[in-house]
Amino acid sequence: MDKIILKQMQFYGYHGLFPEENKLGQRFQVDLELFSDLQKAGQTDDMNDSIHYGQAYERVQRIVEGKAKKLIESVAEDIAMDLLQAFAGLQACRVRLIKPDAPIPGQLESVAVEIYREK
């Protein structure tokens, strides 16, 4: 399956279980894999035959920087469902939502969830 990949999109949001996270906010990173048949787009050179990744970025930004959620699982689910509904040619998507500054005592690079959803 062909795919369009958007990596390391950076946003600032207010998701988390703790009041400090909802008040102060923190960084979030999103990686997307958008699964679609890209052969026709490659042949026609027409955006109507592909997935507009600029629009996908804007949709993800609106969700991550929008209404606060308790769980990053919920944010990832919102992203996947929104993209699948928005783009007719999108057959499936993989969303990885990374929380680099999770409030966990100890040393770690990040916490992340990754989901795969299809039509």
PDB file of N, CA and C in Angstrom:
ATOM      1  N   MET A   1       0.852  -1.188   0.000  1.00  0.00           N
ATOM      2  CA  MET A   1       0.000   0.000   0.000  1.00  0.00           C
ATOM      3  C   MET A   1       0.892   1.243   0.000  1.00  0.00           C
ATOM      4  N   ASP A   2       0.544   2.189  -0.850  1.00  0.00           N
ATOM      5  CA  ASP A   2       1.252   3.464  -0.916  1.00  0.00           C
ATOM      6  C   ASP A   2       0.908   4.287   0.328  1.00  0.00           C
ATOM      7  N   LYS A   3       1.797   5.213   0.659  1.00  0.00           N
ATOM      8  CA  LYS A   3       1.496   6.071   1.807  1.00  0.00           C
ATOM      9  C   LYS A   3       2.211   7.405   1.692  1.00  0.00           C
ATOM     10  N   ILE A   4       1.605   8.389   2.308  1.00  0.00           N
ATOM     11  CA  ILE A   4       2.186   9.712   2.501  1.00  0.00           C
ATOM     12  C   ILE A   4       2.578   9.779   3.969  1.00  0.00           C
ATOM     13  N   ILE A   5       3.778  10.273   4.237  1.00  0.00           N
ATOM     14  CA  ILE A   5       4.299  10.300   5.605  1.00  0.00           C
ATOM     15  C   ILE A   5       4.560  11.746   6.017  1.00  0.00           C
ATOM     16  N   LEU A   6       4.041  12.111   7.171  1.00  0.00           N
ATOM     17  CA  LEU A   6       4.343  13.405   7.790  1.00  0.00           C
ATOM     18  C   LEU A   6       5.017  13.083   9.122  1.00  0.00           C
ATOM     19  N   LYS A   7       6.259  13.529   9.291  1.00  0.00           N
ATOM     20  CA  LYS A   7       7.018  13.170  10.484  1.00  0.00           C
ATOM     21  C   LYS A   7       7.353  14.397  11.327  1.00  0.00           C
ATOM     22  N   GLN A   8       7.319  14.187  12.594  1.00  0.00           N
ATOM     23  CA  GLN A   8       7.766  15.147  13.601  1.00  0.00           C
ATOM     24  C   GLN A   8       7.063  16.500  13.501  1.00  0.00           C
ATOM     25  N   MET A   9       5.749  16.455  13.292  1.00  0.00           N
ATOM     26  CA  MET A   9       4.973  17.688  13.356  1.00  0.00           C
ATOM     27  C   MET A   9       4.954  18.129  14.822  1.00  0.00           C
ATOM     28  N   GLN A  10       5.221  19.386  15.068  1.00  0.00           N
ATOM     29  CA  GLN A  10       5.342  19.903  16.427  1.00  0.00           C
ATOM     30  C   GLN A  10       4.174  20.830  16.758  1.00  0.00           C
ATOM     31  N   PHE A  11       3.565  20.593  17.932  1.00  0.00           N
ATOM     32  CA  PHE A  11       2.427  21.404  18.360  1.00  0.00           C
ATOM     33  C   PHE A  11       2.521  21.651  19.864  1.00  0.00           C
ATOM     34  N   TYR A  12       1.727  22.590  20.336  1.00  0.00           N
ATOM     35  CA  TYR A  12       1.640  22.872  21.770  1.00  0.00           C
ATOM     36  C   TYR A  12       0.191  22.698  22.172  1.00  0.00           C
ATOM     37  N   GLY A  13      -0.040  21.822  23.161  1.00  0.00           N
ATOM     38  CA  GLY A  13      -1.401  21.534  23.582  1.00  0.00           C
ATOM     39  C   GLY A  13      -1.519  21.431  25.088  1.00  0.00           C
ATOM     40  N   TYR A  14      -2.726  21.134  25.554  1.00  0.00           N
ATOM     41  CA  TYR A  14      -3.039  21.154  26.980  1.00  0.00           C
ATOM     42  C   TYR A  14      -3.638  19.835  27.457  1.00  0.00           C
ATOM     43  N   HIS A  15      -3.189  18.739  26.884  1.00  0.00           N
ATOM     44  CA  HIS A  15      -3.722  17.420  27.203  1.00  0.00           C
ATOM     45  C   HIS A  15      -2.970  16.799  28.375  1.00  0.00           C
ATOM     46  N   GLY A  16      -3.710  16.096  29.230  1.00  0.00           N
ATOM     47  CA  GLY A  16      -3.091  15.394  30.340  1.00  0.00           C
ATOM     48  C   GLY A  16      -4.048  15.233  31.506  1.00  0.00           C
ATOM     49  N   LEU A  17      -3.671  14.352  32.400  1.00  0.00           N
ATOM     50  CA  LEU A  17      -4.490  14.075  33.580  1.00  0.00           C
ATOM     51  C   LEU A  17      -4.332  15.120  34.680  1.00  0.00           C
ATOM     52  N   PHE A  18      -3.187  15.771  34.714  1.00  0.00           N
ATOM     53  CA  PHE A  18      -2.877  16.663  35.829  1.00  0.00           C
ATOM     54  C   PHE A  18      -3.270  18.102  35.519  1.00  0.00           C
ATOM     55  N   PRO A  19      -3.802  18.820  36.517  1.00  0.00           N
ATOM     56  CA  PRO A  19      -4.217  20.211  36.307  1.00  0.00           C
ATOM     57  C   PRO A  19      -3.105  21.093  35.729  1.00  0.00           C
ATOM     58  N   GLU A  20      -1.866  20.827  36.123  1.00  0.00           N
ATOM     59  CA  GLU A  20      -0.746  21.622  35.614  1.00  0.00           C
ATOM     60  C   GLU A  20      -0.611  21.471  34.098  1.00  0.00           C
ATOM     61  N   GLU A  21      -0.844  20.266  33.601  1.00  0.00           N
ATOM     62  CA  GLU A  21      -0.754  20.027  32.162  1.00  0.00           C
ATOM     63  C   GLU A  21      -1.837  20.798  31.416  1.00  0.00           C
ATOM     64  N   ASN A  22      -3.031  20.839  32.003  1.00  0.00           N
ATOM     65  CA  ASN A  22      -4.149  21.534  31.377  1.00  0.00           C
ATOM     66  C   ASN A  22      -3.985  23.048  31.439  1.00  0.00           C
ATOM     67  N   LYS A  23      -3.268  23.530  32.441  1.00  0.00           N
ATOM     68  CA  LYS A  23      -3.080  24.967  32.611  1.00  0.00           C
ATOM     69  C   LYS A  23      -1.853  25.479  31.852  1.00  0.00           C
ATOM     70  N   LEU A  24      -0.730  24.783  32.003  1.00  0.00           N
ATOM     71  CA  LEU A  24       0.526  25.250  31.418  1.00  0.00           C
ATOM     72  C   LEU A  24       0.754  24.749  29.998  1.00  0.00           C
ATOM     73  N   GLY A  25       0.202  23.588  29.688  1.00  0.00           N
ATOM     74  CA  GLY A  25       0.406  22.993  28.372  1.00  0.00           C
ATOM     75  C   GLY A  25       1.798  22.395  28.222  1.00  0.00           C
ATOM     76  N   GLN A  26       2.026  21.787  27.063  1.00  0.00           N
ATOM     77  CA  GLN A  26       3.312  21.167  26.777  1.00  0.00           C
ATOM     78  C   GLN A  26       3.416  20.837  25.291  1.00  0.00           C
ATOM     79  N   ARG A  27       4.606  20.415  24.906  1.00  0.00           N
ATOM     80  CA  ARG A  27       4.856  20.067  23.511  1.00  0.00           C
ATOM     81  C   ARG A  27       4.270  18.690  23.190  1.00  0.00           C
ATOM     82  N   PHE A  28       3.827  18.559  21.961  1.00  0.00           N
ATOM     83  CA  PHE A  28       3.390  17.276  21.418  1.00  0.00           C
ATOM     84  C   PHE A  28       3.980  17.135  20.023  1.00  0.00           C
ATOM     85  N   GLN A  29       4.303  15.924  19.680  1.00  0.00           N
ATOM     86  CA  GLN A  29       4.823  15.619  18.350  1.00  0.00           C
ATOM     87  C   GLN A  29       3.919  14.566  17.723  1.00  0.00           C
ATOM     88  N   VAL A  30       3.653  14.699  16.434  1.00  0.00           N
ATOM     89  CA  VAL A  30       2.787  13.754  15.736  1.00  0.00           C
ATOM     90  C   VAL A  30       3.485  13.259  14.471  1.00  0.00           C
ATOM     91  N   ASP A  31       3.441  11.952  14.275  1.00  0.00           N
ATOM     92  CA  ASP A  31       3.876  11.318  13.037  1.00  0.00           C
ATOM     93  C   ASP A  31       2.644  10.675  12.404  1.00  0.00           C
ATOM     94  N   LEU A  32       2.492  10.853  11.101  1.00  0.00           N
ATOM     95  CA  LEU A  32       1.348  10.275  10.382  1.00  0.00           C
ATOM     96  C   LEU A  32       1.827   9.419   9.219  1.00  0.00           C
ATOM     97  N   GLU A  33       1.106   8.345   8.986  1.00  0.00           N
ATOM     98  CA  GLU A  33       1.221   7.585   7.748  1.00  0.00           C
ATOM     99  C   GLU A  33      -0.186   7.517   7.181  1.00  0.00           C
ATOM    100  N   LEU A  34      -0.338   8.058   5.982  1.00  0.00           N
ATOM    101  CA  LEU A  34      -1.642   8.121   5.320  1.00  0.00           C
ATOM    102  C   LEU A  34      -1.626   7.144   4.149  1.00  0.00           C
ATOM    103  N   PHE A  35      -2.388   6.077   4.265  1.00  0.00           N
ATOM    104  CA  PHE A  35      -2.384   4.999   3.279  1.00  0.00           C
ATOM    105  C   PHE A  35      -3.435   5.260   2.208  1.00  0.00           C
ATOM    106  N   SER A  36      -2.978   5.312   0.961  1.00  0.00           N
ATOM    107  CA  SER A  36      -3.858   5.605  -0.163  1.00  0.00           C
ATOM    108  C   SER A  36      -3.197   5.088  -1.436  1.00  0.00           C
ATOM    109  N   ASP A  37      -3.991   4.801  -2.430  1.00  0.00           N
ATOM    110  CA  ASP A  37      -3.445   4.411  -3.730  1.00  0.00           C
ATOM    111  C   ASP A  37      -2.963   5.680  -4.427  1.00  0.00           C
ATOM    112  N   LEU A  38      -1.659   5.824  -4.570  1.00  0.00           N
ATOM    113  CA  LEU A  38      -1.079   7.038  -5.142  1.00  0.00           C
ATOM    114  C   LEU A  38      -0.703   6.900  -6.613  1.00  0.00           C
ATOM    115  N   GLN A  39      -1.006   5.766  -7.204  1.00  0.00           N
ATOM    116  CA  GLN A  39      -0.607   5.531  -8.590  1.00  0.00           C
ATOM    117  C   GLN A  39      -1.241   6.557  -9.538  1.00  0.00           C
ATOM    118  N   LYS A  40      -2.532   6.777  -9.406  1.00  0.00           N
ATOM    119  CA  LYS A  40      -3.208   7.713 -10.307  1.00  0.00           C
ATOM    120  C   LYS A  40      -2.627   9.114 -10.153  1.00  0.00           C
ATOM    121  N   ALA A  41      -2.377   9.540  -8.923  1.00  0.00           N
ATOM    122  CA  ALA A  41      -1.780  10.863  -8.691  1.00  0.00           C
ATOM    123  C   ALA A  41      -0.413  10.952  -9.353  1.00  0.00           C
ATOM    124  N   GLY A  42       0.356   9.885  -9.267  1.00  0.00           N
ATOM    125  CA  GLY A  42       1.667   9.870  -9.904  1.00  0.00           C
ATOM    126  C   GLY A  42       1.576   9.962 -11.418  1.00  0.00           C
ATOM    127  N   GLN A  43       0.518   9.431 -11.975  1.00  0.00           N
ATOM    128  CA  GLN A  43       0.337   9.455 -13.427  1.00  0.00           C
ATOM    129  C   GLN A  43      -0.273  10.766 -13.923  1.00  0.00           C
ATOM    130  N   THR A  44      -1.222  11.315 -13.163  1.00  0.00           N
ATOM    131  CA  THR A  44      -1.938  12.511 -13.616  1.00  0.00           C
ATOM    132  C   THR A  44      -1.302  13.811 -13.146  1.00  0.00           C
ATOM    133  N   ASP A  45      -0.503  13.755 -12.090  1.00  0.00           N
ATOM    134  CA  ASP A  45       0.093  14.951 -11.483  1.00  0.00           C
ATOM    135  C   ASP A  45      -1.002  15.918 -11.023  1.00  0.00           C
ATOM    136  N   ASP A  46      -2.113  15.353 -10.532  1.00  0.00           N
ATOM    137  CA  ASP A  46      -3.275  16.132 -10.119  1.00  0.00           C
ATOM    138  C   ASP A  46      -3.535  15.909  -8.626  1.00  0.00           C
ATOM    139  N   MET A  47      -3.575  16.989  -7.868  1.00  0.00           N
ATOM    140  CA  MET A  47      -3.785  16.890  -6.419  1.00  0.00           C
ATOM    141  C   MET A  47      -5.105  16.217  -6.070  1.00  0.00           C
ATOM    142  N   ASN A  48      -6.091  16.326  -6.938  1.00  0.00           N
ATOM    143  CA  ASN A  48      -7.383  15.684  -6.674  1.00  0.00           C
ATOM    144  C   ASN A  48      -7.272  14.161  -6.613  1.00  0.00           C
ATOM    145  N   ASP A  49      -6.183  13.617  -7.100  1.00  0.00           N
ATOM    146  CA  ASP A  49      -5.972  12.173  -7.079  1.00  0.00           C
ATOM    147  C   ASP A  49      -5.083  11.733  -5.920  1.00  0.00           C
ATOM    148  N   SER A  50      -4.813  12.638  -4.998  1.00  0.00           N
ATOM    149  CA  SER A  50      -3.931  12.332  -3.866  1.00  0.00           C
ATOM    150  C   SER A  50      -4.563  12.829  -2.569  1.00  0.00           C
ATOM    151  N   ILE A  51      -3.768  12.847  -1.518  1.00  0.00           N
ATOM    152  CA  ILE A  51      -4.161  13.392  -0.212  1.00  0.00           C
ATOM    153  C   ILE A  51      -3.372  14.681  -0.021  1.00  0.00           C
ATOM    154  N   HIS A  52      -4.035  15.787   0.217  1.00  0.00           N
ATOM    155  CA  HIS A  52      -3.370  17.082   0.392  1.00  0.00           C
ATOM    156  C   HIS A  52      -2.735  17.106   1.789  1.00  0.00           C
ATOM    157  N   TYR A  53      -1.423  16.928   1.849  1.00  0.00           N
ATOM    158  CA  TYR A  53      -0.794  16.819   3.167  1.00  0.00           C
ATOM    159  C   TYR A  53      -0.745  18.137   3.921  1.00  0.00           C
ATOM    160  N   GLY A  54      -0.852  19.255   3.225  1.00  0.00           N
ATOM    161  CA  GLY A  54      -0.967  20.540   3.925  1.00  0.00           C
ATOM    162  C   GLY A  54      -2.277  20.628   4.695  1.00  0.00           C
ATOM    163  N   GLN A  55      -3.337  20.134   4.077  1.00  0.00           N
ATOM    164  CA  GLN A  55      -4.634  20.116   4.765  1.00  0.00           C
ATOM    165  C   GLN A  55      -4.621  19.108   5.911  1.00  0.00           C
ATOM    166  N   ALA A  56      -3.948  17.984   5.726  1.00  0.00           N
ATOM    167  CA  ALA A  56      -3.840  16.995   6.811  1.00  0.00           C
ATOM    168  C   ALA A  56      -3.121  17.613   8.004  1.00  0.00           C
ATOM    169  N   TYR A  57      -2.037  18.340   7.744  1.00  0.00           N
ATOM    170  CA  TYR A  57      -1.292  19.015   8.815  1.00  0.00           C
ATOM    171  C   TYR A  57      -2.214  19.967   9.576  1.00  0.00           C
ATOM    172  N   GLU A  58      -2.957  20.781   8.844  1.00  0.00           N
ATOM    173  CA  GLU A  58      -3.840  21.758   9.491  1.00  0.00           C
ATOM    174  C   GLU A  58      -4.908  21.082  10.343  1.00  0.00           C
ATOM    175  N   ARG A  59      -5.416  19.944   9.897  1.00  0.00           N
ATOM    176  CA  ARG A  59      -6.443  19.224  10.657  1.00  0.00           C
ATOM    177  C   ARG A  59      -5.848  18.680  11.958  1.00  0.00           C
ATOM    178  N   VAL A  60      -4.644  18.133  11.875  1.00  0.00           N
ATOM    179  CA  VAL A  60      -3.969  17.622  13.068  1.00  0.00           C
ATOM    180  C   VAL A  60      -3.682  18.774  14.032  1.00  0.00           C
ATOM    181  N   GLN A  61      -3.198  19.873  13.517  1.00  0.00           N
ATOM    182  CA  GLN A  61      -2.898  21.043  14.353  1.00  0.00           C
ATOM    183  C   GLN A  61      -4.144  21.506  15.109  1.00  0.00           C
ATOM    184  N   ARG A  62      -5.265  21.580  14.408  1.00  0.00           N
ATOM    185  CA  ARG A  62      -6.516  22.020  15.039  1.00  0.00           C
ATOM    186  C   ARG A  62      -6.894  21.114  16.212  1.00  0.00           C
ATOM    187  N   ILE A  63      -6.683  19.827  16.060  1.00  0.00           N
ATOM    188  CA  ILE A  63      -7.045  18.878  17.122  1.00  0.00           C
ATOM    189  C   ILE A  63      -6.064  18.953  18.284  1.00  0.00           C
ATOM    190  N   VAL A  64      -4.772  18.906  17.985  1.00  0.00           N
ATOM    191  CA  VAL A  64      -3.772  18.894  19.069  1.00  0.00           C
ATOM    192  C   VAL A  64      -3.772  20.214  19.828  1.00  0.00           C
ATOM    193  N   GLU A  65      -3.960  21.312  19.130  1.00  0.00           N
ATOM    194  CA  GLU A  65      -3.949  22.614  19.790  1.00  0.00           C
ATOM    195  C   GLU A  65      -5.345  23.041  20.258  1.00  0.00           C
ATOM    196  N   GLY A  66      -6.321  22.159  20.076  1.00  0.00           N
ATOM    197  CA  GLY A  66      -7.700  22.462  20.443  1.00  0.00           C
ATOM    198  C   GLY A  66      -8.065  22.008  21.844  1.00  0.00           C
ATOM    199  N   LYS A  67      -9.294  21.550  21.976  1.00  0.00           N
ATOM    200  CA  LYS A  67      -9.861  21.171  23.273  1.00  0.00           C
ATOM    201  C   LYS A  67      -8.994  20.136  23.989  1.00  0.00           C
ATOM    202  N   ALA A  68      -8.723  20.408  25.261  1.00  0.00           N
ATOM    203  CA  ALA A  68      -7.886  19.529  26.069  1.00  0.00           C
ATOM    204  C   ALA A  68      -8.572  18.188  26.333  1.00  0.00           C
ATOM    205  N   LYS A  69      -7.797  17.140  26.269  1.00  0.00           N
ATOM    206  CA  LYS A  69      -8.239  15.782  26.585  1.00  0.00           C
ATOM    207  C   LYS A  69      -7.387  15.263  27.735  1.00  0.00           C
ATOM    208  N   LYS A  70      -7.904  14.294  28.466  1.00  0.00           N
ATOM    209  CA  LYS A  70      -7.135  13.683  29.545  1.00  0.00           C
ATOM    210  C   LYS A  70      -6.074  12.734  29.006  1.00  0.00           C
ATOM    211  N   LEU A  71      -6.428  11.985  27.956  1.00  0.00           N
ATOM    212  CA  LEU A  71      -5.548  10.921  27.455  1.00  0.00           C
ATOM    213  C   LEU A  71      -5.065  11.220  26.043  1.00  0.00           C
ATOM    214  N   ILE A  72      -3.784  10.949  25.798  1.00  0.00           N
ATOM    215  CA  ILE A  72      -3.276  11.098  24.438  1.00  0.00           C
ATOM    216  C   ILE A  72      -3.877  10.034  23.517  1.00  0.00           C
ATOM    217  N   GLU A  73      -4.348   8.938  24.087  1.00  0.00           N
ATOM    218  CA  GLU A  73      -5.059   7.943  23.286  1.00  0.00           C
ATOM    219  C   GLU A  73      -6.289   8.562  22.630  1.00  0.00           C
ATOM    220  N   SER A  74      -6.977   9.404  23.367  1.00  0.00           N
ATOM    221  CA  SER A  74      -8.173  10.064  22.858  1.00  0.00           C
ATOM    222  C   SER A  74      -7.822  11.079  21.769  1.00  0.00           C
ATOM    223  N   VAL A  75      -6.733  11.790  21.949  1.00  0.00           N
ATOM    224  CA  VAL A  75      -6.291  12.755  20.938  1.00  0.00           C
ATOM    225  C   VAL A  75      -5.925  12.025  19.644  1.00  0.00           C
ATOM    226  N   ALA A  76      -5.195  10.927  19.762  1.00  0.00           N
ATOM    227  CA  ALA A  76      -4.813  10.139  18.588  1.00  0.00           C
ATOM    228  C   ALA A  76      -6.050   9.607  17.864  1.00  0.00           C
ATOM    229  N   GLU A  77      -7.019   9.143  18.625  1.00  0.00           N
ATOM    230  CA  GLU A  77      -8.263   8.637  18.023  1.00  0.00           C
ATOM    231  C   GLU A  77      -8.999   9.740  17.274  1.00  0.00           C
ATOM    232  N   ASP A  78      -9.064  10.931  17.865  1.00  0.00           N
ATOM    233  CA  ASP A  78      -9.713  12.059  17.196  1.00  0.00           C
ATOM    234  C   ASP A  78      -9.012  12.386  15.877  1.00  0.00           C
ATOM    235  N   ILE A  79      -7.697  12.357  15.879  1.00  0.00           N
ATOM    236  CA  ILE A  79      -6.935  12.642  14.656  1.00  0.00           C
ATOM    237  C   ILE A  79      -7.264  11.613  13.583  1.00  0.00           C
ATOM    238  N   ALA A  80      -7.190  10.343  13.931  1.00  0.00           N
ATOM    239  CA  ALA A  80      -7.441   9.277  12.956  1.00  0.00           C
ATOM    240  C   ALA A  80      -8.841   9.372  12.376  1.00  0.00           C
ATOM    241  N   MET A  81      -9.841   9.536  13.224  1.00  0.00           N
ATOM    242  CA  MET A  81     -11.221   9.588  12.745  1.00  0.00           C
ATOM    243  C   MET A  81     -11.469  10.817  11.877  1.00  0.00           C
ATOM    244  N   ASP A  82     -10.909  11.947  12.261  1.00  0.00           N
ATOM    245  CA  ASP A  82     -11.074  13.166  11.485  1.00  0.00           C
ATOM    246  C   ASP A  82     -10.469  13.005  10.091  1.00  0.00           C
ATOM    247  N   LEU A  83      -9.267  12.478  10.012  1.00  0.00           N
ATOM    248  CA  LEU A  83      -8.607  12.323   8.716  1.00  0.00           C
ATOM    249  C   LEU A  83      -9.344  11.326   7.830  1.00  0.00           C
ATOM    250  N   LEU A  84      -9.774  10.221   8.401  1.00  0.00           N
ATOM    251  CA  LEU A  84     -10.491   9.222   7.607  1.00  0.00           C
ATOM    252  C   LEU A  84     -11.804   9.768   7.045  1.00  0.00           C
ATOM    253  N   GLN A  85     -12.449  10.641   7.791  1.00  0.00           N
ATOM    254  CA  GLN A  85     -13.698  11.248   7.317  1.00  0.00           C
ATOM    255  C   GLN A  85     -13.444  12.358   6.304  1.00  0.00           C
ATOM    256  N   ALA A  86     -12.327  13.059   6.448  1.00  0.00           N
ATOM    257  CA  ALA A  86     -12.060  14.237   5.629  1.00  0.00           C
ATOM    258  C   ALA A  86     -11.594  13.912   4.213  1.00  0.00           C
ATOM    259  N   PHE A  87     -10.877  12.811   4.045  1.00  0.00           N
ATOM    260  CA  PHE A  87     -10.253  12.522   2.760  1.00  0.00           C
ATOM    261  C   PHE A  87     -10.825  11.242   2.166  1.00  0.00           C
ATOM    262  N   ALA A  88     -11.557  11.387   1.074  1.00  0.00           N
ATOM    263  CA  ALA A  88     -12.217  10.241   0.452  1.00  0.00           C
ATOM    264  C   ALA A  88     -11.226   9.163   0.021  1.00  0.00           C
ATOM    265  N   GLY A  89     -10.069   9.557  -0.461  1.00  0.00           N
ATOM    266  CA  GLY A  89      -9.091   8.592  -0.954  1.00  0.00           C
ATOM    267  C   GLY A  89      -8.237   7.950   0.130  1.00  0.00           C
ATOM    268  N   LEU A  90      -8.407   8.375   1.357  1.00  0.00           N
ATOM    269  CA  LEU A  90      -7.622   7.813   2.460  1.00  0.00           C
ATOM    270  C   LEU A  90      -8.231   6.488   2.890  1.00  0.00           C
ATOM    271  N   GLN A  91      -7.451   5.416   2.787  1.00  0.00           N
ATOM    272  CA  GLN A  91      -7.957   4.086   3.126  1.00  0.00           C
ATOM    273  C   GLN A  91      -7.660   3.695   4.566  1.00  0.00           C
ATOM    274  N   ALA A  92      -6.542   4.194   5.094  1.00  0.00           N
ATOM    275  CA  ALA A  92      -6.152   3.880   6.471  1.00  0.00           C
ATOM    276  C   ALA A  92      -5.131   4.915   6.923  1.00  0.00           C
ATOM    277  N   CYS A  93      -4.927   4.994   8.221  1.00  0.00           N
ATOM    278  CA  CYS A  93      -3.887   5.891   8.733  1.00  0.00           C
ATOM    279  C   CYS A  93      -3.287   5.323  10.014  1.00  0.00           C
ATOM    280  N   ARG A  94      -2.032   5.662  10.191  1.00  0.00           N
ATOM    281  CA  ARG A  94      -1.319   5.341  11.426  1.00  0.00           C
ATOM    282  C   ARG A  94      -0.960   6.679  12.062  1.00  0.00           C
ATOM    283  N   VAL A  95      -1.311   6.827  13.328  1.00  0.00           N
ATOM    284  CA  VAL A  95      -1.050   8.052  14.076  1.00  0.00           C
ATOM    285  C   VAL A  95      -0.170   7.705  15.261  1.00  0.00           C
ATOM    286  N   ARG A  96       0.960   8.374  15.349  1.00  0.00           N
ATOM    287  CA  ARG A  96       1.814   8.255  16.544  1.00  0.00           C
ATOM    288  C   ARG A  96       1.820   9.629  17.206  1.00  0.00           C
ATOM    289  N   LEU A  97       1.329   9.679  18.442  1.00  0.00           N
ATOM    290  CA  LEU A  97       1.296  10.915  19.211  1.00  0.00           C
ATOM    291  C   LEU A  97       2.318  10.794  20.337  1.00  0.00           C
ATOM    292  N   ILE A  98       3.271  11.699  20.327  1.00  0.00           N
ATOM    293  CA  ILE A  98       4.402  11.642  21.253  1.00  0.00           C
ATOM    294  C   ILE A  98       4.317  12.802  22.232  1.00  0.00           C
ATOM    295  N   LYS A  99       4.534  12.470  23.486  1.00  0.00           N
ATOM    296  CA  LYS A  99       4.517  13.459  24.563  1.00  0.00           C
ATOM    297  C   LYS A  99       5.943  13.502  25.133  1.00  0.00           C
ATOM    298  N   PRO A 100       6.789  14.414  24.631  1.00  0.00           N
ATOM    299  CA  PRO A 100       8.192  14.411  25.032  1.00  0.00           C
ATOM    300  C   PRO A 100       8.426  14.788  26.496  1.00  0.00           C
ATOM    301  N   ASP A 101       7.527  15.560  27.065  1.00  0.00           N
ATOM    302  CA  ASP A 101       7.748  16.077  28.426  1.00  0.00           C
ATOM    303  C   ASP A 101       6.726  15.525  29.415  1.00  0.00           C
ATOM    304  N   ALA A 102       6.382  14.261  29.276  1.00  0.00           N
ATOM    305  CA  ALA A 102       5.402  13.651  30.176  1.00  0.00           C
ATOM    306  C   ALA A 102       5.865  13.782  31.625  1.00  0.00           C
ATOM    307  N   PRO A 103       4.941  14.131  32.530  1.00  0.00           N
ATOM    308  CA  PRO A 103       5.314  14.331  33.930  1.00  0.00           C
ATOM    309  C   PRO A 103       5.479  13.005  34.677  1.00  0.00           C
ATOM    310  N   ILE A 104       6.561  12.323  34.365  1.00  0.00           N
ATOM    311  CA  ILE A 104       6.876  11.042  34.993  1.00  0.00           C
ATOM    312  C   ILE A 104       8.202  11.199  35.722  1.00  0.00           C
ATOM    313  N   PRO A 105       8.258  10.806  36.989  1.00  0.00           N
ATOM    314  CA  PRO A 105       9.539  10.893  37.687  1.00  0.00           C
ATOM    315  C   PRO A 105      10.510   9.874  37.086  1.00  0.00           C
ATOM    316  N   GLY A 106      11.670  10.331  36.724  1.00  0.00           N
ATOM    317  CA  GLY A 106      12.668   9.445  36.132  1.00  0.00           C
ATOM    318  C   GLY A 106      13.073   9.944  34.757  1.00  0.00           C
ATOM    319  N   GLN A 107      14.018   9.243  34.179  1.00  0.00           N
ATOM    320  CA  GLN A 107      14.584   9.629  32.894  1.00  0.00           C
ATOM    321  C   GLN A 107      13.953   8.825  31.762  1.00  0.00           C
ATOM    322  N   LEU A 108      13.398   9.514  30.788  1.00  0.00           N
ATOM    323  CA  LEU A 108      12.899   8.873  29.592  1.00  0.00           C
ATOM    324  C   LEU A 108      12.850   9.901  28.481  1.00  0.00           C
ATOM    325  N   GLU A 109      12.948   9.424  27.252  1.00  0.00           N
ATOM    326  CA  GLU A 109      12.926  10.333  26.113  1.00  0.00           C
ATOM    327  C   GLU A 109      11.529  10.875  25.861  1.00  0.00           C
ATOM    328  N   SER A 110      10.535   9.995  25.906  1.00  0.00           N
ATOM    329  CA  SER A 110       9.169  10.416  25.634  1.00  0.00           C
ATOM    330  C   SER A 110       8.210   9.276  25.944  1.00  0.00           C
ATOM    331  N   VAL A 111       6.946   9.620  25.936  1.00  0.00           N
ATOM    332  CA  VAL A 111       5.853   8.650  26.016  1.00  0.00           C
ATOM    333  C   VAL A 111       5.057   8.826  24.733  1.00  0.00           C
ATOM    334  N   ALA A 112       4.568   7.733  24.166  1.00  0.00           N
ATOM    335  CA  ALA A 112       3.822   7.838  22.918  1.00  0.00           C
ATOM    336  C   ALA A 112       2.746   6.772  22.838  1.00  0.00           C
ATOM    337  N   VAL A 113       1.747   7.054  22.025  1.00  0.00           N
ATOM    338  CA  VAL A 113       0.777   6.044  21.625  1.00  0.00           C
ATOM    339  C   VAL A 113       0.801   5.996  20.106  1.00  0.00           C
ATOM    340  N   GLU A 114       0.525   4.819  19.579  1.00  0.00           N
ATOM    341  CA  GLU A 114       0.432   4.665  18.134  1.00  0.00           C
ATOM    342  C   GLU A 114      -0.798   3.835  17.835  1.00  0.00           C
ATOM    343  N   ILE A 115      -1.631   4.346  16.928  1.00  0.00           N
ATOM    344  CA  ILE A 115      -2.841   3.621  16.556  1.00  0.00           C
ATOM    345  C   ILE A 115      -2.900   3.483  15.032  1.00  0.00           C
ATOM    346  N   TYR A 116      -3.585   2.464  14.587  1.00  0.00           N
ATOM    347  CA  TYR A 116      -3.813   2.248  13.158  1.00  0.00           C
ATOM    348  C   TYR A 116      -5.317   2.078  12.973  1.00  0.00           C
ATOM    349  N   ARG A 117      -5.892   2.885  12.080  1.00  0.00           N
ATOM    350  CA  ARG A 117      -7.316   2.786  11.809  1.00  0.00           C
ATOM    351  C   ARG A 117      -7.524   2.755  10.302  1.00  0.00           C
ATOM    352  N   GLU A 118      -8.553   2.027   9.890  1.00  0.00           N
ATOM    353  CA  GLU A 118      -8.872   1.984   8.459  1.00  0.00           C
ATOM    354  C   GLU A 118     -10.367   2.087   8.263  1.00  0.00           C
ATOM    355  N   LYS A 119     -10.742   2.451   7.029  1.00  0.00           N
ATOM    356  CA  LYS A 119     -12.160   2.575   6.687  1.00  0.00           C
ATOM    357  C   LYS A 119     -12.766   1.204   6.562  1.00  0.00           C
TER     358      LYS A 119
END
